[in-house]
C-alpha atoms as a PDB file:
ATOM      1  CA  MET A   1       4.011  17.576 -11.157  1.00  0.00           C
ATOM      2  CA  THR A   2       5.889  17.082 -14.388  1.00  0.00           C
ATOM      3  CA  GLU A   3       3.984  16.507 -17.601  1.00  0.00           C
ATOM      4  CA  GLY A   4       5.266  12.921 -17.913  1.00  0.00           C
ATOM      5  CA  ASN A   5       3.867  12.037 -14.487  1.00  0.00           C
ATOM      6  CA  PHE A   6       0.326  13.081 -15.367  1.00  0.00           C
ATOM      7  CA  VAL A   7      -1.349   9.859 -16.500  1.00  0.00           C
ATOM      8  CA  ASP A   8      -5.055  10.186 -17.299  1.00  0.00           C
ATOM      9  CA  TYR A   9      -5.748   7.134 -19.475  1.00  0.00           C
ATOM     10  CA  VAL A  10      -4.629   3.556 -18.840  1.00  0.00           C
ATOM     11  CA  LYS A  11      -5.735  -0.014 -19.599  1.00  0.00           C
ATOM     12  CA  ILE A  12      -5.332  -2.664 -16.897  1.00  0.00           C
ATOM     13  CA  HIS A  13      -6.028  -6.396 -16.561  1.00  0.00           C
ATOM     14  CA  LEU A  14      -7.888  -7.658 -13.497  1.00  0.00           C
ATOM     15  CA  ALA A  15      -8.432 -11.152 -12.094  1.00  0.00           C
ATOM     16  CA  SER A  16     -10.403 -11.980  -8.958  1.00  0.00           C
ATOM     17  CA  GLY A  17      -9.578 -15.011  -6.806  1.00  0.00           C
ATOM     18  CA  ASN A  18     -10.958 -18.544  -7.129  1.00  0.00           C
ATOM     19  CA  GLY A  19     -13.172 -19.927  -4.392  1.00  0.00           C
ATOM     20  CA  GLY A  20     -11.674 -22.711  -2.268  1.00  0.00           C
ATOM     21  CA  LYS A  21     -12.837 -26.328  -2.549  1.00  0.00           C
ATOM     22  CA  GLY A  22     -15.198 -27.840  -0.008  1.00  0.00           C
ATOM     23  CA  SER A  23     -13.661 -30.603   2.105  1.00  0.00           C
ATOM     24  CA  VAL A  24     -14.569 -34.293   1.894  1.00  0.00           C
ATOM     25  CA  HIS A  25     -13.823 -35.499   5.398  1.00  0.00           C
ATOM     26  CA  LEU A  26     -15.323 -38.041   7.803  1.00  0.00           C
ATOM     27  CA  HIS A  27     -15.036 -37.445  11.514  1.00  0.00           C
ATOM     28  CA  ARG A  28     -12.433 -39.654  13.184  1.00  0.00           C
ATOM     29  CA  GLU A  29     -11.116 -39.651  16.723  1.00  0.00           C
ATOM     30  CA  LYS A  30     -10.287 -42.114  19.476  1.00  0.00           C
ATOM     31  CA  TYR A  31     -13.127 -44.604  20.008  1.00  0.00           C
ATOM     32  CA  ILE A  32     -15.037 -43.102  17.055  1.00  0.00           C
ATOM     33  CA  THR A  33     -14.080 -45.064  13.962  1.00  0.00           C
ATOM     34  CA  LYS A  34     -17.036 -44.173  11.797  1.00  0.00           C
ATOM     35  CA  GLY A  35     -18.055 -40.595  12.505  1.00  0.00           C
ATOM     36  CA  GLY A  36     -20.266 -38.590  10.176  1.00  0.00           C
ATOM     37  CA  PRO A  37     -19.154 -36.138   7.485  1.00  0.00           C
ATOM     38  CA  ASP A  38     -17.573 -32.946   8.807  1.00  0.00           C
ATOM     39  CA  GLY A  39     -15.847 -31.400   5.784  1.00  0.00           C
ATOM     40  CA  GLY A  40     -15.840 -27.593   5.915  1.00  0.00           C
ATOM     41  CA  ASP A  41     -16.604 -25.047   3.199  1.00  0.00           C
ATOM     42  CA  GLY A  42     -14.027 -23.402   0.979  1.00  0.00           C
ATOM     43  CA  GLY A  43     -13.180 -19.719   1.443  1.00  0.00           C
ATOM     44  CA  ARG A  44     -14.315 -16.958  -0.875  1.00  0.00           C
ATOM     45  CA  GLY A  45     -11.906 -15.717  -3.547  1.00  0.00           C
ATOM     46  CA  GLY A  46     -10.563 -12.183  -3.216  1.00  0.00           C
ATOM     47  CA  HIS A  47     -12.408  -9.217  -4.755  1.00  0.00           C
ATOM     48  CA  ILE A  48     -10.944  -6.461  -6.921  1.00  0.00           C
ATOM     49  CA  ILE A  49     -12.144  -3.273  -5.229  1.00  0.00           C
ATOM     50  CA  LEU A  50     -11.881   0.303  -6.485  1.00  0.00           C
ATOM     51  CA  LYS A  51     -11.483   3.046  -3.878  1.00  0.00           C
ATOM     52  CA  GLY A  52     -11.613   6.823  -4.301  1.00  0.00           C
ATOM     53  CA  ASN A  53      -8.755   8.865  -2.827  1.00  0.00           C
ATOM     54  CA  ARG A  54      -8.982  12.660  -2.847  1.00  0.00           C
ATOM     55  CA  ASN A  55      -5.222  12.957  -2.312  1.00  0.00           C
ATOM     56  CA  LEU A  56      -4.482  11.482  -5.735  1.00  0.00           C
ATOM     57  CA  TRP A  57      -4.487  13.637  -8.882  1.00  0.00           C
ATOM     58  CA  THR A  58      -3.318  11.190 -11.539  1.00  0.00           C
ATOM     59  CA  LEU A  59      -3.330   7.509 -12.556  1.00  0.00           C
ATOM     60  CA  PHE A  60       0.471   7.422 -12.372  1.00  0.00           C
ATOM     61  CA  SER A  61       0.440   4.389 -10.019  1.00  0.00           C
ATOM     62  CA  PHE A  62      -0.901   2.279 -12.915  1.00  0.00           C
ATOM     63  CA  LYS A  63       1.783   3.362 -15.371  1.00  0.00           C
ATOM     64  CA  PHE A  64       4.186   0.510 -14.593  1.00  0.00           C
ATOM     65  CA  LYS A  65       1.917  -2.110 -13.024  1.00  0.00           C
ATOM     66  CA  ARG A  66      -1.113  -3.048 -15.100  1.00  0.00           C
ATOM     67  CA  HIS A  67      -1.940  -6.603 -13.976  1.00  0.00           C
ATOM     68  CA  PHE A  68      -3.753  -7.149 -10.678  1.00  0.00           C
ATOM     69  CA  LYS A  69      -4.754 -10.527  -9.249  1.00  0.00           C
ATOM     70  CA  ALA A  70      -6.630 -11.148  -6.006  1.00  0.00           C
ATOM     71  CA  GLY A  71      -5.859 -14.067  -3.675  1.00  0.00           C
ATOM     72  CA  HIS A  72      -7.561 -17.474  -3.905  1.00  0.00           C
ATOM     73  CA  GLY A  73      -9.809 -18.784  -1.166  1.00  0.00           C
ATOM     74  CA  ALA A  74      -8.363 -21.570   1.005  1.00  0.00           C
ATOM     75  CA  HIS A  75      -9.871 -25.064   0.916  1.00  0.00           C
ATOM     76  CA  GLY A  76     -12.177 -26.271   3.674  1.00  0.00           C
ATOM     77  CA  SER A  77     -10.915 -28.740   6.268  1.00  0.00           C
ATOM     78  CA  LYS A  78     -12.119 -31.121   8.979  1.00  0.00           C
ATOM     79  CA  ASN A  79     -14.393 -30.229  11.891  1.00  0.00           C
ATOM     80  CA  ARG A  80     -16.459 -28.067   9.552  1.00  0.00           C
ATOM     81  CA  SER A  81     -13.643 -25.540   9.380  1.00  0.00           C
ATOM     82  CA  THR A  82     -14.194 -22.960   6.640  1.00  0.00           C
ATOM     83  CA  GLY A  83     -11.187 -21.991   4.555  1.00  0.00           C
ATOM     84  CA  ALA A  84      -9.823 -18.444   4.770  1.00  0.00           C
ATOM     85  CA  ASP A  85     -11.095 -15.892   2.266  1.00  0.00           C
ATOM     86  CA  GLY A  86      -8.723 -14.788  -0.473  1.00  0.00           C
ATOM     87  CA  GLU A  87      -6.989 -11.444  -0.029  1.00  0.00           C
ATOM     88  CA  ASP A  88      -8.858  -8.540  -1.637  1.00  0.00           C
ATOM     89  CA  VAL A  89      -6.970  -6.132  -3.899  1.00  0.00           C
ATOM     90  CA  TYR A  90      -7.731  -2.416  -3.454  1.00  0.00           C
ATOM     91  CA  LEU A  91      -7.039  -0.062  -6.355  1.00  0.00           C
ATOM     92  CA  GLU A  92      -6.919   3.558  -5.191  1.00  0.00           C
ATOM     93  CA  VAL A  93      -7.830   6.073  -7.893  1.00  0.00           C
ATOM     94  CA  PRO A  94      -8.298   9.868  -7.954  1.00  0.00           C
ATOM     95  CA  LEU A  95     -11.768  11.341  -7.816  1.00  0.00           C
ATOM     96  CA  GLY A  96     -13.243  11.764 -11.274  1.00  0.00           C
ATOM     97  CA  THR A  97     -12.082   8.371 -12.596  1.00  0.00           C
ATOM     98  CA  LEU A  98     -14.363   6.657 -15.097  1.00  0.00           C
ATOM     99  CA  ILE A  99     -14.095   2.875 -15.583  1.00  0.00           C
ATOM    100  CA  ARG A 100     -15.002   1.271 -18.906  1.00  0.00           C
ATOM    101  CA  ASP A 101     -14.970  -2.286 -20.207  1.00  0.00           C
ATOM    102  CA  THR A 102     -12.138  -2.212 -22.742  1.00  0.00           C
ATOM    103  CA  GLU A 103     -13.860  -4.551 -25.209  1.00  0.00           C
ATOM    104  CA  THR A 104     -17.414  -3.180 -25.191  1.00  0.00           C
ATOM    105  CA  GLN A 105     -16.610   0.428 -24.081  1.00  0.00           C
ATOM    106  CA  GLU A 106     -19.510   0.109 -21.633  1.00  0.00           C
ATOM    107  CA  VAL A 107     -19.230   2.402 -18.618  1.00  0.00           C
ATOM    108  CA  ILE A 108     -18.985   0.200 -15.519  1.00  0.00           C
ATOM    109  CA  CYS A 109     -18.859   2.886 -12.839  1.00  0.00           C
ATOM    110  CA  GLU A 110     -17.218   6.150 -11.861  1.00  0.00           C
ATOM    111  CA  VAL A 111     -15.590   7.306  -8.647  1.00  0.00           C
ATOM    112  CA  THR A 112     -16.545  10.780  -7.449  1.00  0.00           C
ATOM    113  CA  GLU A 113     -16.362  10.596  -3.628  1.00  0.00           C
ATOM    114  CA  ASP A 114     -13.461  10.163  -1.239  1.00  0.00           C
ATOM    115  CA  GLY A 115     -13.468   6.716   0.370  1.00  0.00           C
ATOM    116  CA  GLN A 116     -16.084   5.411  -2.074  1.00  0.00           C
ATOM    117  CA  GLU A 117     -15.596   1.666  -2.650  1.00  0.00           C
ATOM    118  CA  LEU A 118     -16.851  -0.252  -5.686  1.00  0.00           C
ATOM    119  CA  ILE A 119     -16.358  -3.967  -6.328  1.00  0.00           C
ATOM    120  CA  LEU A 120     -15.148  -4.279  -9.914  1.00  0.00           C
ATOM    121  CA  LEU A 121     -14.757  -8.060  -9.885  1.00  0.00           C
ATOM    122  CA  GLU A 122     -16.219 -10.403  -7.286  1.00  0.00           C
ATOM    123  CA  GLY A 123     -14.181 -13.367  -6.110  1.00  0.00           C
ATOM    124  CA  GLY A 124     -15.535 -16.869  -6.687  1.00  0.00           C
ATOM    125  CA  LEU A 125     -17.654 -18.434  -3.938  1.00  0.00           C
ATOM    126  CA  GLY A 126     -16.166 -21.273  -1.939  1.00  0.00           C
ATOM    127  CA  GLY A 127     -17.552 -24.772  -2.426  1.00  0.00           C
ATOM    128  CA  ARG A 128     -19.667 -26.429   0.278  1.00  0.00           C
ATOM    129  CA  GLY A 129     -18.184 -29.257   2.320  1.00  0.00           C
ATOM    130  CA  ASN A 130     -19.634 -32.766   2.405  1.00  0.00           C
ATOM    131  CA  TRP A 131     -21.459 -32.254   5.702  1.00  0.00           C
ATOM    132  CA  HIS A 132     -24.021 -30.140   3.805  1.00  0.00           C
ATOM    133  CA  PHE A 133     -25.047 -33.155   1.720  1.00  0.00           C
ATOM    134  CA  LYS A 134     -25.769 -35.772   4.362  1.00  0.00           C
ATOM    135  CA  ASN A 135     -29.350 -37.003   4.694  1.00  0.00           C
ATOM    136  CA  SER A 136     -31.231 -40.024   5.913  1.00  0.00           C
ATOM    137  CA  VAL A 137     -30.502 -41.929   2.719  1.00  0.00           C
ATOM    138  CA  ASN A 138     -26.871 -40.887   2.172  1.00  0.00           C
ATOM    139  CA  GLN A 139     -25.360 -40.520   5.628  1.00  0.00           C
ATOM    140  CA  THR A 140     -21.723 -40.478   4.546  1.00  0.00           C
ATOM    141  CA  PRO A 141     -21.449 -38.437   1.319  1.00  0.00           C
ATOM    142  CA  ARG A 142     -17.951 -38.643  -0.094  1.00  0.00           C
ATOM    143  CA  TYR A 143     -18.200 -35.606  -2.338  1.00  0.00           C
ATOM    144  CA  ALA A 144     -18.167 -31.832  -1.957  1.00  0.00           C
ATOM    145  CA  GLN A 145     -18.464 -28.790  -4.186  1.00  0.00           C
ATOM    146  CA  PRO A 146     -15.479 -27.298  -5.959  1.00  0.00           C
ATOM    147  CA  GLY A 147     -14.980 -23.564  -5.597  1.00  0.00           C
ATOM    148  CA  ILE A 148     -16.311 -21.195  -8.256  1.00  0.00           C
ATOM    149  CA  PRO A 149     -13.523 -19.768 -10.460  1.00  0.00           C
ATOM    150  CA  GLY A 150     -12.755 -16.062 -10.287  1.00  0.00           C
ATOM    151  CA  GLN A 151     -13.393 -13.585 -13.106  1.00  0.00           C
ATOM    152  CA  GLU A 152     -11.029 -11.838 -15.487  1.00  0.00           C
ATOM    153  CA  ARG A 153     -11.607  -8.518 -17.185  1.00  0.00           C
ATOM    154  CA  GLN A 154      -9.762  -5.840 -19.107  1.00  0.00           C
ATOM    155  CA  VAL A 155     -10.818  -2.344 -18.075  1.00  0.00           C
ATOM    156  CA  THR A 156      -9.885   1.177 -19.090  1.00  0.00           C
ATOM    157  CA  LEU A 157      -9.449   3.922 -16.503  1.00  0.00           C
ATOM    158  CA  GLU A 158     -10.137   7.477 -17.706  1.00  0.00           C
ATOM    159  CA  LEU A 159      -9.460  10.420 -15.445  1.00  0.00           C
ATOM    160  CA  LYS A 160     -11.616  13.502 -15.834  1.00  0.00           C
ATOM    161  CA  VAL A 161      -9.992  16.290 -13.849  1.00  0.00           C
ATOM    162  CA  LEU A 162     -12.079  17.613 -10.964  1.00  0.00           C
ATOM    163  CA  ALA A 163     -11.562  21.362 -10.719  1.00  0.00           C
ATOM    164  CA  ASP A 164     -13.663  24.387  -9.843  1.00  0.00           C
ATOM    165  CA  VAL A 165     -12.562  26.447 -12.866  1.00  0.00           C
ATOM    166  CA  GLY A 166     -11.447  25.093 -16.231  1.00  0.00           C
ATOM    167  CA  LEU A 167      -9.477  27.252 -18.674  1.00  0.00           C
ATOM    168  CA  VAL A 168     -10.798  26.849 -22.212  1.00  0.00           C
ATOM    169  CA  GLY A 169      -9.175  28.349 -25.276  1.00  0.00           C
ATOM    170  CA  PHE A 170      -7.291  27.862 -28.491  1.00  0.00           C
ATOM    171  CA  PRO A 171      -3.625  26.829 -28.372  1.00  0.00           C
ATOM    172  CA  ASN A 172      -1.204  29.591 -27.352  1.00  0.00           C
ATOM    173  CA  ALA A 173      -3.954  31.765 -25.858  1.00  0.00           C
ATOM    174  CA  GLY A 174      -2.051  32.291 -22.598  1.00  0.00           C
ATOM    175  CA  LYS A 175      -3.803  29.724 -20.388  1.00  0.00           C
ATOM    176  CA  SER A 176      -0.608  28.313 -18.871  1.00  0.00           C
ATOM    177  CA  THR A 177       0.719  31.826 -18.226  1.00  0.00           C
ATOM    178  CA  LEU A 178      -2.479  32.782 -16.392  1.00  0.00           C
ATOM    179  CA  LEU A 179      -2.342  29.616 -14.287  1.00  0.00           C
ATOM    180  CA  SER A 180       1.297  30.265 -13.352  1.00  0.00           C
ATOM    181  CA  VAL A 181       0.460  33.836 -12.279  1.00  0.00           C
ATOM    182  CA  LEU A 182      -2.670  32.974 -10.256  1.00  0.00           C
ATOM    183  CA  THR A 183      -1.289  29.828  -8.597  1.00  0.00           C
ATOM    184  CA  SER A 184       1.991  28.205  -7.576  1.00  0.00           C
ATOM    185  CA  ALA A 185       1.782  25.774 -10.487  1.00  0.00           C
ATOM    186  CA  LYS A 186       4.712  25.733 -12.882  1.00  0.00           C
ATOM    187  CA  PRO A 187       3.331  24.614 -16.248  1.00  0.00           C
ATOM    188  CA  LYS A 188       5.507  24.549 -19.347  1.00  0.00           C
ATOM    189  CA  ILE A 189       5.239  27.912 -21.151  1.00  0.00           C
ATOM    190  CA  ALA A 190       6.501  28.580 -24.669  1.00  0.00           C
ATOM    191  CA  ASP A 191       5.586  30.645 -27.717  1.00  0.00           C
ATOM    192  CA  TYR A 192       4.181  27.840 -29.849  1.00  0.00           C
ATOM    193  CA  GLU A 193       0.945  25.897 -30.079  1.00  0.00           C
ATOM    194  CA  PHE A 194       0.231  22.780 -28.004  1.00  0.00           C
ATOM    195  CA  THR A 195       2.912  23.554 -25.433  1.00  0.00           C
ATOM    196  CA  THR A 196       0.493  22.007 -22.932  1.00  0.00           C
ATOM    197  CA  LEU A 197      -0.309  18.366 -23.658  1.00  0.00           C
ATOM    198  CA  LYS A 198      -1.600  17.369 -20.215  1.00  0.00           C
ATOM    199  CA  PRO A 199      -3.907  19.258 -17.831  1.00  0.00           C
ATOM    200  CA  ASN A 200      -2.196  21.271 -15.096  1.00  0.00           C
ATOM    201  CA  LEU A 201      -3.858  21.984 -11.766  1.00  0.00           C
ATOM    202  CA  GLY A 202      -3.263  24.880  -9.410  1.00  0.00           C
ATOM    203  CA  ILE A 203      -4.861  26.279  -6.246  1.00  0.00           C
ATOM    204  CA  VAL A 204      -5.876  29.929  -6.502  1.00  0.00           C
ATOM    205  CA  LYS A 205      -5.625  31.861  -3.240  1.00  0.00           C
ATOM    206  CA  ASN A 206      -8.050  34.749  -2.878  1.00  0.00           C
ATOM    207  CA  ARG A 207      -8.979  37.131  -0.082  1.00  0.00           C
ATOM    208  CA  ASP A 208      -9.612  35.894   3.483  1.00  0.00           C
ATOM    209  CA  PHE A 209      -8.022  32.479   2.873  1.00  0.00           C
ATOM    210  CA  GLN A 210     -10.503  31.619   0.131  1.00  0.00           C
ATOM    211  CA  THR A 211      -9.188  29.020  -2.307  1.00  0.00           C
ATOM    212  CA  PHE A 212     -10.410  27.204  -5.408  1.00  0.00           C
ATOM    213  CA  VAL A 213      -8.861  24.815  -7.926  1.00  0.00           C
ATOM    214  CA  MET A 214      -8.112  25.903 -11.492  1.00  0.00           C
ATOM    215  CA  ALA A 215      -7.271  23.530 -14.354  1.00  0.00           C
ATOM    216  CA  ASP A 216      -5.259  24.484 -17.442  1.00  0.00           C
ATOM    217  CA  ILE A 217      -6.761  22.314 -20.204  1.00  0.00           C
ATOM    218  CA  PRO A 218      -4.703  21.728 -23.383  1.00  0.00           C
ATOM    219  CA  GLY A 219      -5.761  23.952 -26.273  1.00  0.00           C
ATOM    220  CA  ILE A 220      -8.877  23.119 -28.288  1.00  0.00           C
ATOM    221  CA  ILE A 221      -8.947  23.476 -32.068  1.00  0.00           C
ATOM    222  CA  GLU A 222     -11.863  23.526 -34.472  1.00  0.00           C
ATOM    223  CA  GLY A 223     -12.997  19.945 -35.047  1.00  0.00           C
ATOM    224  CA  ALA A 224     -11.961  18.777 -31.559  1.00  0.00           C
ATOM    225  CA  ALA A 225     -15.402  17.238 -30.950  1.00  0.00           C
ATOM    226  CA  GLU A 226     -14.668  14.805 -33.812  1.00  0.00           C
ATOM    227  CA  GLY A 227     -11.311  13.914 -32.277  1.00  0.00           C
ATOM    228  CA  LYS A 228      -9.160  16.329 -34.278  1.00  0.00           C
ATOM    229  CA  GLY A 229      -5.994  17.316 -32.450  1.00  0.00           C
ATOM    230  CA  LEU A 230      -6.606  14.730 -29.685  1.00  0.00           C
ATOM    231  CA  GLY A 231      -9.862  16.540 -28.995  1.00  0.00           C
ATOM    232  CA  HIS A 232     -11.553  13.727 -27.063  1.00  0.00           C
ATOM    233  CA  TYR A 233      -8.584  13.423 -24.720  1.00  0.00           C
ATOM    234  CA  PHE A 234      -8.729  17.156 -23.957  1.00  0.00           C
ATOM    235  CA  LEU A 235     -12.483  17.766 -23.886  1.00  0.00           C
ATOM    236  CA  ARG A 236     -13.278  15.099 -21.306  1.00  0.00           C
ATOM    237  CA  HIS A 237     -11.354  17.066 -18.662  1.00  0.00           C
ATOM    238  CA  ILE A 238     -13.760  19.999 -19.042  1.00  0.00           C
ATOM    239  CA  GLU A 239     -16.825  17.898 -18.157  1.00  0.00           C
ATOM    240  CA  ARG A 240     -16.149  18.021 -14.401  1.00  0.00           C
ATOM    241  CA  ASN A 241     -15.355  21.752 -14.077  1.00  0.00           C
ATOM    242  CA  ALA A 242     -17.970  23.840 -12.302  1.00  0.00           C
ATOM    243  CA  THR A 243     -17.135  27.069 -14.187  1.00  0.00           C
ATOM    244  CA  LEU A 244     -15.621  27.475 -17.645  1.00  0.00           C
ATOM    245  CA  LEU A 245     -13.224  30.370 -18.189  1.00  0.00           C
ATOM    246  CA  PHE A 246     -12.871  31.118 -21.896  1.00  0.00           C
ATOM    247  CA  LEU A 247      -9.491  32.729 -22.575  1.00  0.00           C
ATOM    248  CA  ILE A 248      -9.102  34.625 -25.857  1.00  0.00           C
ATOM    249  CA  PRO A 249      -6.093  36.846 -26.639  1.00  0.00           C
ATOM    250  CA  ALA A 250      -6.685  40.508 -27.428  1.00  0.00           C
ATOM    251  CA  ASP A 251      -4.726  40.222 -30.693  1.00  0.00           C
ATOM    252  CA  SER A 252      -7.149  37.615 -32.054  1.00  0.00           C
ATOM    253  CA  ALA A 253      -8.553  38.376 -35.494  1.00  0.00           C
ATOM    254  CA  ASP A 254     -12.138  37.867 -34.289  1.00  0.00           C
ATOM    255  CA  ILE A 255     -12.737  37.417 -30.552  1.00  0.00           C
ATOM    256  CA  ALA A 256     -16.451  36.659 -30.855  1.00  0.00           C
ATOM    257  CA  LYS A 257     -15.848  34.090 -33.609  1.00  0.00           C
ATOM    258  CA  GLU A 258     -13.261  32.255 -31.499  1.00  0.00           C
ATOM    259  CA  TYR A 259     -15.651  32.225 -28.550  1.00  0.00           C
ATOM    260  CA  HIS A 260     -18.483  30.763 -30.628  1.00  0.00           C
ATOM    261  CA  ILE A 261     -16.179  28.135 -32.180  1.00  0.00           C
ATOM    262  CA  LEU A 262     -15.109  27.008 -28.706  1.00  0.00           C
ATOM    263  CA  LEU A 263     -18.717  26.998 -27.540  1.00  0.00           C
ATOM    264  CA  ASP A 264     -19.790  24.936 -30.549  1.00  0.00           C
ATOM    265  CA  GLU A 265     -17.058  22.345 -29.947  1.00  0.00           C
ATOM    266  CA  LEU A 266     -18.252  21.908 -26.367  1.00  0.00           C
ATOM    267  CA  ARG A 267     -21.861  21.622 -27.528  1.00  0.00           C
ATOM    268  CA  ARG A 268     -21.029  18.950 -30.119  1.00  0.00           C
ATOM    269  CA  TYR A 269     -18.977  16.956 -27.637  1.00  0.00           C
ATOM    270  CA  ASN A 270     -21.521  17.130 -24.802  1.00  0.00           C
ATOM    271  CA  PRO A 271     -24.512  19.539 -24.896  1.00  0.00           C
ATOM    272  CA  GLU A 272     -24.687  19.498 -21.082  1.00  0.00           C
ATOM    273  CA  MET A 273     -21.464  21.532 -20.974  1.00  0.00           C
ATOM    274  CA  LEU A 274     -23.436  24.595 -22.084  1.00  0.00           C
ATOM    275  CA  ASP A 275     -25.325  24.484 -18.782  1.00  0.00           C
ATOM    276  CA  LYS A 276     -22.153  25.386 -16.865  1.00  0.00           C
ATOM    277  CA  ASP A 277     -21.357  28.955 -15.809  1.00  0.00           C
ATOM    278  CA  ARG A 278     -19.221  30.701 -18.443  1.00  0.00           C
ATOM    279  CA  PHE A 279     -16.955  33.725 -18.261  1.00  0.00           C
ATOM    280  CA  VAL A 280     -14.923  35.232 -21.096  1.00  0.00           C
ATOM    281  CA  VAL A 281     -11.509  36.748 -20.428  1.00  0.00           C
ATOM    282  CA  ILE A 282      -9.646  38.828 -23.011  1.00  0.00           C
ATOM    283  CA  SER A 283      -5.971  38.177 -22.261  1.00  0.00           C
ATOM    284  CA  LYS A 284      -2.873  40.115 -23.339  1.00  0.00           C
ATOM    285  CA  SER A 285      -4.870  43.349 -22.977  1.00  0.00           C
ATOM    286  CA  ASP A 286      -1.761  45.312 -21.942  1.00  0.00           C
ATOM    287  CA  MET A 287      -1.216  45.911 -25.681  1.00  0.00           C
ATOM    288  CA  LEU A 288      -4.511  47.857 -25.883  1.00  0.00           C
ATOM    289  CA  ASP A 289      -4.902  51.563 -25.174  1.00  0.00           C
ATOM    290  CA  ASP A 290      -8.054  52.980 -23.599  1.00  0.00           C
ATOM    291  CA  GLU A 291      -9.564  54.068 -26.921  1.00  0.00           C
ATOM    292  CA  LEU A 292      -9.105  50.668 -28.561  1.00  0.00           C
ATOM    293  CA  LYS A 293     -10.421  48.919 -25.471  1.00  0.00           C
ATOM    294  CA  ALA A 294     -13.562  51.069 -25.532  1.00  0.00           C
ATOM    295  CA  GLU A 295     -14.153  50.193 -29.188  1.00  0.00           C
ATOM    296  CA  MET A 296     -13.737  46.496 -28.464  1.00  0.00           C
ATOM    297  CA  LYS A 297     -16.164  46.688 -25.529  1.00  0.00           C
ATOM    298  CA  ALA A 298     -18.832  48.249 -27.719  1.00  0.00           C
ATOM    299  CA  GLU A 299     -18.399  45.462 -30.256  1.00  0.00           C
ATOM    300  CA  LEU A 300     -18.230  42.641 -27.701  1.00  0.00           C
ATOM    301  CA  ASP A 301     -21.427  43.806 -25.999  1.00  0.00           C
ATOM    302  CA  GLN A 302     -23.194  42.967 -29.254  1.00  0.00           C
ATOM    303  CA  THR A 303     -21.323  39.878 -30.500  1.00  0.00           C
ATOM    304  CA  LEU A 304     -20.861  37.873 -27.277  1.00  0.00           C
ATOM    305  CA  GLU A 305     -24.647  37.667 -26.857  1.00  0.00           C
ATOM    306  CA  GLY A 306     -24.694  38.727 -23.233  1.00  0.00           C
ATOM    307  CA  ALA A 307     -21.808  36.554 -22.022  1.00  0.00           C
ATOM    308  CA  PRO A 308     -19.908  38.320 -19.194  1.00  0.00           C
ATOM    309  CA  TYR A 309     -16.332  39.277 -20.069  1.00  0.00           C
ATOM    310  CA  MET A 310     -13.279  41.034 -18.657  1.00  0.00           C
ATOM    311  CA  PHE A 311      -9.934  42.396 -19.893  1.00  0.00           C
ATOM    312  CA  ILE A 312      -6.787  41.153 -18.136  1.00  0.00           C
ATOM    313  CA  SER A 313      -3.045  40.856 -18.643  1.00  0.00           C
ATOM    314  CA  SER A 314      -1.138  38.043 -16.961  1.00  0.00           C
ATOM    315  CA  VAL A 315       2.260  39.538 -17.745  1.00  0.00           C
ATOM    316  CA  ALA A 316       1.399  43.090 -16.671  1.00  0.00           C
ATOM    317  CA  GLN A 317      -0.665  41.822 -13.674  1.00  0.00           C
ATOM    318  CA  GLN A 318      -3.728  43.778 -14.786  1.00  0.00           C
ATOM    319  CA  GLY A 319      -7.212  42.800 -13.632  1.00  0.00           C
ATOM    320  CA  LEU A 320      -6.123  39.600 -11.867  1.00  0.00           C
ATOM    321  CA  GLN A 321      -7.626  40.399  -8.450  1.00  0.00           C
ATOM    322  CA  ALA A 322     -10.902  41.419 -10.059  1.00  0.00           C
ATOM    323  CA  LEU A 323     -10.863  38.132 -11.992  1.00  0.00           C
ATOM    324  CA  LYS A 324     -10.344  36.092  -8.815  1.00  0.00           C
ATOM    325  CA  ASP A 325     -13.168  37.963  -7.080  1.00  0.00           C
ATOM    326  CA  LYS A 326     -15.489  37.351 -10.025  1.00  0.00           C
ATOM    327  CA  LEU A 327     -14.671  33.619 -10.187  1.00  0.00           C
ATOM    328  CA  TRP A 328     -15.165  33.246  -6.427  1.00  0.00           C
ATOM    329  CA  GLN A 329     -18.521  34.992  -6.733  1.00  0.00           C
ATOM    330  CA  MET A 330     -19.584  32.654  -9.565  1.00  0.00           C
ATOM    331  CA  LEU A 331     -18.491  29.522  -7.687  1.00  0.00           C
ATOM    332  CA  ASN A 332     -20.429  30.540  -4.575  1.00  0.00           C
ATOM    333  CA  ALA A 333     -23.498  32.053  -6.187  1.00  0.00           C
END
């Protein structure tokens, strides 16, 4: 999937259908010139219904069409015939989609299960026909109820990527390179910061046909929790990952400091993120010799405060199988 096709934030306008009018009709047929009221009820207006689809990974279908209107209910007719219900509109969204009211920013609902259906806007009820209103005093009512109008609402759809493992790190840490090596994904890779502007997903294949989904999240910078560097747009994708893989390059000035900065940004954005399983990976370790690696291990044992870590190299293909085994073990603990 190209970067331009990954849509994770969109505003749409919704309108449910109006209910049909009740019928004002008096029964007439041969030899019956003054029959009683027999006007039928109006049909219900169409609903706007949200439906989860596990085969979708993006909100791309809403990129070019942002107005959705359900059908109106048909009017009632003679012989107590009820009008047809308005046609419902189904909006299929990927799992992990959050729906907010655009004006109030109130969370309406979220879709997390395949096939899950949620009525966003209910159609208006149809009006009752005049036969409902007859009584001993008024035997031929010549009035009926109008249908109830439908509703209109502006909503915002936010996609939070559902993945087993989320790659977390500063820009240009090698996250896209690792994803391209472990999976068949082809993310954009370049030697400058913020090469990745949209999350990339890939399926990691491990031993014995074991698979799990990995997400390459755009780089986080210090201050991301306050929105710096589009932080809110990036951080929300980490909320749904089961395991967080912190990627820090071996040539970093201070590996432990970078790890704690990343951890602090997650804590300030959503403290519940710290409850997720975490694993630290030191990338680009092919530039380290055994002596330097031993020195770094001694230091990291103290400064990472017990967080598990591993040295790998995506380019030199070092430690990748051990990394996949470790992630599979963490996901199935």
